[in-house]
Amino acid sequence: MPRAVADSGRVEIRIDPEAKAKLARAAALEHLDLTAFILRAALPAAQMVIERAERIALTERDSLKVLDLLENPPAANDRLRRAGADLTKARAR
């Protein structure tokens, strides 16, 4: 498992010699150093993972329902009114 050192920006990974040689050869063919070669592949993959985890995909029907609720919110029920009153009291302290 990679071990990241927070302060230096340095990341260490264990890799077998054959894999390292393959990465180094590919990096040289692209006229990049090994770090740049690895980052060029890893950063877009990391971004995709983050976006996939943070994005909520809605169907068209669900999107229309959300928009309708934003434009026409339901009336506050007793529980919501109590929560609002509690928040107002807490802020007054």
N, C-alpha and C. Protein backbone atom coordinates (compact mmCIF):
# COMPACT_ATOMS: atom_id res chain seq x y z
N MET A 1 0.85 -1.18 0.00
CA MET A 1 0.00 0.00 0.00
C MET A 1 0.89 1.23 0.00
N PRO A 2 0.54 2.25 -0.80
CA PRO A 2 1.35 3.47 -0.83
C PRO A 2 1.35 4.16 0.52
N ARG A 3 2.47 4.76 0.83
CA ARG A 3 2.59 5.50 2.08
C ARG A 3 2.84 6.95 1.71
N ALA A 4 1.96 7.82 2.09
CA ALA A 4 2.10 9.24 1.78
C ALA A 4 2.68 9.98 2.98
N VAL A 5 3.61 10.86 2.71
CA VAL A 5 4.17 11.72 3.74
C VAL A 5 3.59 13.11 3.51
N ALA A 6 2.79 13.58 4.43
CA ALA A 6 2.01 14.79 4.23
C ALA A 6 2.85 16.05 4.04
N ASP A 7 3.91 16.22 4.80
CA ASP A 7 4.63 17.48 4.80
C ASP A 7 5.48 17.70 3.55
N SER A 8 6.09 16.67 3.01
CA SER A 8 7.05 16.86 1.93
C SER A 8 6.41 16.80 0.55
N GLY A 9 5.20 16.32 0.45
CA GLY A 9 4.59 16.14 -0.86
C GLY A 9 5.11 14.89 -1.55
N ARG A 10 5.88 14.12 -0.87
CA ARG A 10 6.51 12.93 -1.42
C ARG A 10 5.61 11.72 -1.19
N VAL A 11 5.53 10.85 -2.19
CA VAL A 11 4.77 9.61 -2.09
C VAL A 11 5.72 8.47 -2.43
N GLU A 12 5.70 7.45 -1.61
CA GLU A 12 6.54 6.28 -1.87
C GLU A 12 5.63 5.10 -2.18
N ILE A 13 6.02 4.33 -3.19
CA ILE A 13 5.27 3.11 -3.51
C ILE A 13 6.26 1.96 -3.66
N ARG A 14 5.82 0.78 -3.35
CA ARG A 14 6.61 -0.42 -3.58
C ARG A 14 6.16 -0.98 -4.91
N ILE A 15 7.11 -1.29 -5.76
CA ILE A 15 6.79 -1.79 -7.08
C ILE A 15 7.86 -2.79 -7.48
N ASP A 16 7.46 -3.84 -8.17
CA ASP A 16 8.45 -4.83 -8.57
C ASP A 16 9.32 -4.26 -9.69
N PRO A 17 10.53 -4.74 -9.81
CA PRO A 17 11.47 -4.17 -10.79
C PRO A 17 10.97 -4.20 -12.23
N GLU A 18 10.25 -5.25 -12.60
CA GLU A 18 9.75 -5.33 -13.96
C GLU A 18 8.72 -4.23 -14.25
N ALA A 19 7.84 -4.00 -13.30
CA ALA A 19 6.83 -2.96 -13.48
C ALA A 19 7.49 -1.58 -13.53
N LYS A 20 8.48 -1.36 -12.66
CA LYS A 20 9.17 -0.08 -12.67
C LYS A 20 9.90 0.13 -13.99
N ALA A 21 10.54 -0.90 -14.48
CA ALA A 21 11.25 -0.79 -15.76
C ALA A 21 10.28 -0.47 -16.90
N LYS A 22 9.12 -1.09 -16.87
CA LYS A 22 8.11 -0.83 -17.91
C LYS A 22 7.63 0.61 -17.84
N LEU A 23 7.36 1.10 -16.62
CA LEU A 23 6.94 2.50 -16.46
C LEU A 23 8.04 3.46 -16.90
N ALA A 24 9.27 3.16 -16.53
CA ALA A 24 10.38 4.03 -16.90
C ALA A 24 10.57 4.06 -18.42
N ARG A 25 10.44 2.90 -19.06
CA ARG A 25 10.57 2.86 -20.52
C ARG A 25 9.48 3.68 -21.19
N ALA A 26 8.23 3.51 -20.72
CA ALA A 26 7.12 4.26 -21.29
C ALA A 26 7.31 5.76 -21.07
N ALA A 27 7.77 6.13 -19.88
CA ALA A 27 8.02 7.54 -19.58
C ALA A 27 9.07 8.11 -20.53
N ALA A 28 10.14 7.36 -20.75
CA ALA A 28 11.20 7.82 -21.65
C ALA A 28 10.68 7.98 -23.08
N LEU A 29 9.84 7.05 -23.51
CA LEU A 29 9.27 7.15 -24.86
C LEU A 29 8.39 8.38 -25.01
N GLU A 30 7.80 8.84 -23.91
CA GLU A 30 6.97 10.05 -23.92
C GLU A 30 7.76 11.31 -23.58
N HIS A 31 9.08 11.15 -23.37
CA HIS A 31 9.97 12.26 -23.00
C HIS A 31 9.52 12.92 -21.69
N LEU A 32 9.15 12.07 -20.73
CA LEU A 32 8.72 12.53 -19.41
C LEU A 32 9.57 11.83 -18.36
N ASP A 33 9.68 12.46 -17.19
CA ASP A 33 10.29 11.71 -16.09
C ASP A 33 9.22 10.78 -15.52
N LEU A 34 9.66 9.84 -14.70
CA LEU A 34 8.75 8.82 -14.19
C LEU A 34 7.60 9.43 -13.40
N THR A 35 7.89 10.43 -12.58
CA THR A 35 6.84 11.07 -11.79
C THR A 35 5.78 11.71 -12.68
N ALA A 36 6.22 12.46 -13.67
CA ALA A 36 5.27 13.12 -14.58
C ALA A 36 4.44 12.10 -15.33
N PHE A 37 5.07 11.00 -15.74
CA PHE A 37 4.34 9.97 -16.47
C PHE A 37 3.25 9.35 -15.60
N ILE A 38 3.61 9.01 -14.37
CA ILE A 38 2.64 8.39 -13.46
C ILE A 38 1.52 9.37 -13.13
N LEU A 39 1.87 10.63 -12.83
CA LEU A 39 0.85 11.63 -12.49
C LEU A 39 -0.09 11.90 -13.66
N ARG A 40 0.44 11.89 -14.89
CA ARG A 40 -0.40 12.14 -16.06
C ARG A 40 -1.51 11.09 -16.16
N ALA A 41 -1.24 9.89 -15.74
CA ALA A 41 -2.25 8.84 -15.78
C ALA A 41 -3.10 8.81 -14.50
N ALA A 42 -2.45 9.04 -13.36
CA ALA A 42 -3.14 8.86 -12.08
C ALA A 42 -4.09 10.00 -11.73
N LEU A 43 -3.71 11.25 -12.02
CA LEU A 43 -4.56 12.38 -11.63
C LEU A 43 -5.92 12.38 -12.32
N PRO A 44 -6.00 12.14 -13.64
CA PRO A 44 -7.34 12.06 -14.25
C PRO A 44 -8.17 10.91 -13.68
N ALA A 45 -7.51 9.79 -13.37
CA ALA A 45 -8.24 8.66 -12.78
C ALA A 45 -8.76 9.04 -11.40
N ALA A 46 -7.94 9.74 -10.62
CA ALA A 46 -8.38 10.18 -9.29
C ALA A 46 -9.55 11.14 -9.40
N GLN A 47 -9.49 12.07 -10.36
CA GLN A 47 -10.58 13.02 -10.56
C GLN A 47 -11.88 12.31 -10.91
N MET A 48 -11.79 11.29 -11.75
CA MET A 48 -13.00 10.54 -12.13
C MET A 48 -13.60 9.84 -10.92
N VAL A 49 -12.76 9.26 -10.07
CA VAL A 49 -13.25 8.58 -8.86
C VAL A 49 -13.95 9.58 -7.95
N ILE A 50 -13.35 10.75 -7.76
CA ILE A 50 -13.93 11.78 -6.90
C ILE A 50 -15.26 12.25 -7.46
N GLU A 51 -15.30 12.55 -8.75
CA GLU A 51 -16.54 13.03 -9.36
C GLU A 51 -17.65 11.98 -9.28
N ARG A 52 -17.29 10.72 -9.50
CA ARG A 52 -18.29 9.65 -9.44
C ARG A 52 -18.85 9.52 -8.03
N ALA A 53 -17.98 9.71 -7.02
CA ALA A 53 -18.42 9.60 -5.63
C ALA A 53 -19.26 10.79 -5.19
N GLU A 54 -19.02 11.97 -5.77
CA GLU A 54 -19.69 13.18 -5.32
C GLU A 54 -20.90 13.56 -6.15
N ARG A 55 -21.09 12.93 -7.28
CA ARG A 55 -22.18 13.29 -8.17
C ARG A 55 -23.41 12.43 -7.88
N ILE A 56 -24.55 13.06 -7.93
CA ILE A 56 -25.81 12.34 -7.79
C ILE A 56 -26.49 12.40 -9.15
N ALA A 57 -26.75 11.24 -9.72
CA ALA A 57 -27.41 11.20 -11.02
C ALA A 57 -28.91 11.01 -10.80
N LEU A 58 -29.68 11.90 -11.37
CA LEU A 58 -31.13 11.81 -11.26
C LEU A 58 -31.74 11.52 -12.62
N THR A 59 -32.84 10.79 -12.60
CA THR A 59 -33.58 10.61 -13.83
C THR A 59 -34.27 11.93 -14.16
N GLU A 60 -34.78 12.04 -15.36
CA GLU A 60 -35.49 13.26 -15.73
C GLU A 60 -36.69 13.48 -14.80
N ARG A 61 -37.38 12.41 -14.48
CA ARG A 61 -38.54 12.51 -13.58
C ARG A 61 -38.12 13.02 -12.21
N ASP A 62 -37.02 12.48 -11.69
CA ASP A 62 -36.54 12.91 -10.38
C ASP A 62 -36.08 14.37 -10.41
N SER A 63 -35.42 14.76 -11.48
CA SER A 63 -34.98 16.15 -11.62
C SER A 63 -36.17 17.10 -11.62
N LEU A 64 -37.20 16.73 -12.34
CA LEU A 64 -38.40 17.58 -12.38
C LEU A 64 -39.06 17.65 -11.01
N LYS A 65 -39.03 16.55 -10.26
CA LYS A 65 -39.61 16.53 -8.92
C LYS A 65 -38.83 17.47 -7.99
N VAL A 66 -37.50 17.42 -8.05
CA VAL A 66 -36.68 18.31 -7.22
C VAL A 66 -36.96 19.76 -7.56
N LEU A 67 -37.00 20.08 -8.85
CA LEU A 67 -37.28 21.46 -9.26
C LEU A 67 -38.66 21.90 -8.78
N ASP A 68 -39.63 21.01 -8.87
CA ASP A 68 -40.98 21.35 -8.41
C ASP A 68 -40.99 21.60 -6.90
N LEU A 69 -40.28 20.78 -6.14
CA LEU A 69 -40.23 20.98 -4.69
C LEU A 69 -39.51 22.28 -4.32
N LEU A 70 -38.51 22.65 -5.11
CA LEU A 70 -37.82 23.92 -4.85
C LEU A 70 -38.73 25.11 -5.14
N GLU A 71 -39.50 25.00 -6.20
CA GLU A 71 -40.39 26.10 -6.57
C GLU A 71 -41.66 26.12 -5.73
N ASN A 72 -42.10 24.96 -5.27
CA ASN A 72 -43.34 24.84 -4.50
C ASN A 72 -43.09 23.98 -3.26
N PRO A 73 -42.35 24.50 -2.29
CA PRO A 73 -42.04 23.66 -1.12
C PRO A 73 -43.30 23.34 -0.33
N PRO A 74 -43.34 22.16 0.28
CA PRO A 74 -44.51 21.80 1.09
C PRO A 74 -44.54 22.67 2.35
N ALA A 75 -45.70 22.78 2.93
CA ALA A 75 -45.86 23.55 4.16
C ALA A 75 -45.07 22.88 5.28
N ALA A 76 -44.55 23.68 6.19
CA ALA A 76 -43.79 23.15 7.32
C ALA A 76 -44.70 22.35 8.23
N ASN A 77 -44.24 21.17 8.64
CA ASN A 77 -45.02 20.37 9.58
C ASN A 77 -44.60 20.74 11.01
N ASP A 78 -45.24 20.12 11.99
CA ASP A 78 -44.96 20.45 13.40
C ASP A 78 -43.50 20.20 13.76
N ARG A 79 -42.95 19.11 13.29
CA ARG A 79 -41.57 18.77 13.62
C ARG A 79 -40.61 19.84 13.10
N LEU A 80 -40.83 20.31 11.89
CA LEU A 80 -39.98 21.35 11.32
C LEU A 80 -40.14 22.67 12.08
N ARG A 81 -41.36 23.00 12.43
CA ARG A 81 -41.58 24.23 13.20
C ARG A 81 -40.89 24.17 14.56
N ARG A 82 -40.96 23.00 15.22
CA ARG A 82 -40.28 22.85 16.52
C ARG A 82 -38.77 22.97 16.35
N ALA A 83 -38.23 22.38 15.29
CA ALA A 83 -36.79 22.46 15.05
C ALA A 83 -36.39 23.91 14.81
N GLY A 84 -37.19 24.65 14.08
CA GLY A 84 -36.90 26.07 13.86
C GLY A 84 -36.94 26.86 15.14
N ALA A 85 -37.92 26.55 15.98
CA ALA A 85 -38.03 27.25 17.28
C ALA A 85 -36.83 26.92 18.16
N ASP A 86 -36.42 25.65 18.18
CA ASP A 86 -35.25 25.24 18.97
C ASP A 86 -33.99 25.96 18.48
N LEU A 87 -33.83 26.10 17.17
CA LEU A 87 -32.67 26.76 16.61
C LEU A 87 -32.68 28.25 17.00
N THR A 88 -33.84 28.86 16.94
CA THR A 88 -33.94 30.26 17.32
C THR A 88 -33.56 30.45 18.78
N LYS A 89 -34.03 29.55 19.65
CA LYS A 89 -33.69 29.63 21.08
C LYS A 89 -32.20 29.44 21.29
N ALA A 90 -31.62 28.50 20.57
CA ALA A 90 -30.19 28.21 20.73
C ALA A 90 -29.35 29.40 20.30
N ARG A 91 -29.74 30.07 19.25
CA ARG A 91 -29.00 31.24 18.78
C ARG A 91 -29.14 32.42 19.74
N ALA A 92 -30.25 32.50 20.46
CA ALA A 92 -30.50 33.60 21.38
C ALA A 92 -29.62 33.50 22.62
N ARG A 93 -29.10 32.33 22.92
CA ARG A 93 -28.28 32.14 24.13
C ARG A 93 -26.95 32.80 24.02
